[in-house]
Amino acid sequence: MIDVDLIHKALANPFRRQILAWLKTPDEVFAQGHIDFSHGVPPNAIHARSGLSQSTVSAHVASLVQAQLVVPTRVGQWVFLSRNEEVIGEFARQVSLHL
């Protein structure tokens, strides 16, 4: 079950919407180099692209994770972030039905 109000709150911030857009096409947005996007995007790549402080980016990512729009995946000692397409799709359906 999704928390529609929490999702609206998370999406109210333009930078959070930008993060979701970046995570939609990480191969196009982030410098590939040594990064394997099969598990998602490392938070430090979002931090590097944003130009914001690490603590600010972490707070925004935490809001997206709390709203279940982004899923963190731990691989060894690293964490990768990816979009939760199931929750995003359900939210879009609910908005379409009720607004």
Protein backbone atom coordinates (compact mmCIF):
# COMPACT_ATOMS: atom_id res chain seq x y z
CA MET A 1 0.00 0.00 0.00
CA ILE A 2 1.34 3.41 -0.91
CA ASP A 3 1.10 6.59 1.16
CA VAL A 4 -0.17 9.09 -1.40
CA ASP A 5 0.27 12.07 0.93
CA LEU A 6 3.88 11.14 1.65
CA ILE A 7 4.53 10.78 -2.08
CA HIS A 8 2.98 14.20 -2.79
CA LYS A 9 5.17 15.69 -0.07
CA ALA A 10 8.30 14.06 -1.54
CA LEU A 11 7.42 15.21 -5.06
CA ALA A 12 6.77 18.78 -3.93
CA ASN A 13 10.50 19.45 -4.05
CA PRO A 14 11.96 20.07 -7.54
CA PHE A 15 15.33 18.50 -6.70
CA ARG A 16 13.63 15.25 -5.66
CA ARG A 17 11.77 15.18 -8.97
CA GLN A 18 15.12 15.76 -10.67
CA ILE A 19 16.64 12.78 -8.85
CA LEU A 20 13.77 10.58 -10.07
CA ALA A 21 14.33 11.84 -13.63
CA TRP A 22 18.05 11.09 -13.39
CA LEU A 23 17.36 7.59 -12.08
CA LYS A 24 15.02 6.93 -15.00
CA THR A 25 17.90 6.97 -17.49
CA PRO A 26 21.13 6.64 -15.49
CA ASP A 27 23.20 5.53 -18.49
CA GLU A 28 22.47 8.85 -20.19
CA VAL A 29 22.76 11.08 -17.13
CA PHE A 30 25.77 9.85 -15.18
CA ALA A 31 29.32 9.45 -16.42
CA GLN A 32 29.67 5.73 -16.93
CA GLY A 33 33.38 5.14 -16.41
CA HIS A 34 33.65 2.40 -13.82
CA ILE A 35 30.03 2.52 -12.62
CA ASP A 36 27.84 -0.51 -13.29
CA PHE A 37 24.21 0.65 -13.17
CA SER A 38 22.75 -2.85 -13.04
CA HIS A 39 22.07 -2.42 -9.30
CA GLY A 40 21.18 1.28 -9.51
CA VAL A 41 23.08 4.50 -9.00
CA PRO A 42 25.44 5.12 -6.09
CA PRO A 43 24.42 8.13 -3.97
CA ASN A 44 27.82 9.75 -4.52
CA ALA A 45 27.04 9.98 -8.27
CA ILE A 46 23.86 11.93 -7.46
CA HIS A 47 25.86 14.12 -5.08
CA ALA A 48 28.53 14.79 -7.72
CA ARG A 49 25.98 15.69 -10.39
CA SER A 50 23.89 17.93 -8.12
CA GLY A 51 26.57 20.23 -6.80
CA LEU A 52 24.78 20.21 -3.44
CA SER A 53 26.28 19.14 -0.12
CA GLN A 54 26.33 15.46 0.73
CA SER A 55 24.03 16.01 3.72
CA THR A 56 21.47 17.86 1.58
CA VAL A 57 21.47 15.12 -1.05
CA SER A 58 21.16 12.47 1.68
CA ALA A 59 18.14 14.23 3.18
CA HIS A 60 16.42 14.40 -0.22
CA VAL A 61 17.21 10.76 -0.99
CA ALA A 62 15.89 9.74 2.45
CA SER A 63 12.60 11.48 1.68
CA LEU A 64 12.31 9.58 -1.61
CA VAL A 65 13.13 6.30 0.13
CA GLN A 66 10.59 6.98 2.90
CA ALA A 67 7.93 7.64 0.24
CA GLN A 68 9.00 4.34 -1.40
CA LEU A 69 9.71 6.10 -4.70
CA VAL A 70 13.36 5.02 -4.53
CA VAL A 71 14.71 1.66 -3.40
CA PRO A 72 18.16 1.32 -1.84
CA THR A 73 19.97 -1.93 -2.62
CA ARG A 74 23.03 -2.99 -0.67
CA VAL A 75 25.73 -4.84 -2.61
CA GLY A 76 28.61 -5.65 -0.33
CA GLN A 77 29.62 -2.41 1.34
CA TRP A 78 27.95 -0.20 -1.29
CA VAL A 79 24.40 1.09 -1.59
CA PHE A 80 22.75 1.71 -4.94
CA LEU A 81 19.54 3.63 -5.59
CA SER A 82 16.90 2.83 -8.18
CA ARG A 83 13.36 3.93 -8.93
CA ASN A 84 10.48 1.90 -7.56
CA GLU A 85 8.50 1.67 -10.80
CA GLU A 86 5.69 -0.27 -9.14
CA VAL A 87 4.99 2.49 -6.60
CA ILE A 88 5.42 5.24 -9.20
CA GLY A 89 2.95 3.48 -11.50
CA GLU A 90 0.41 2.93 -8.71
CA PHE A 91 0.71 6.58 -7.65
CA ALA A 92 0.13 7.72 -11.24
CA ARG A 93 -2.95 5.49 -11.48
CA GLN A 94 -4.37 6.85 -8.24
CA VAL A 95 -3.80 10.44 -9.31
CA SER A 96 -5.47 9.69 -12.64
CA LEU A 97 -8.50 8.14 -10.93
CA HIS A 98 -8.99 10.69 -8.19
CA LEU A 99 -8.00 14.05 -9.68
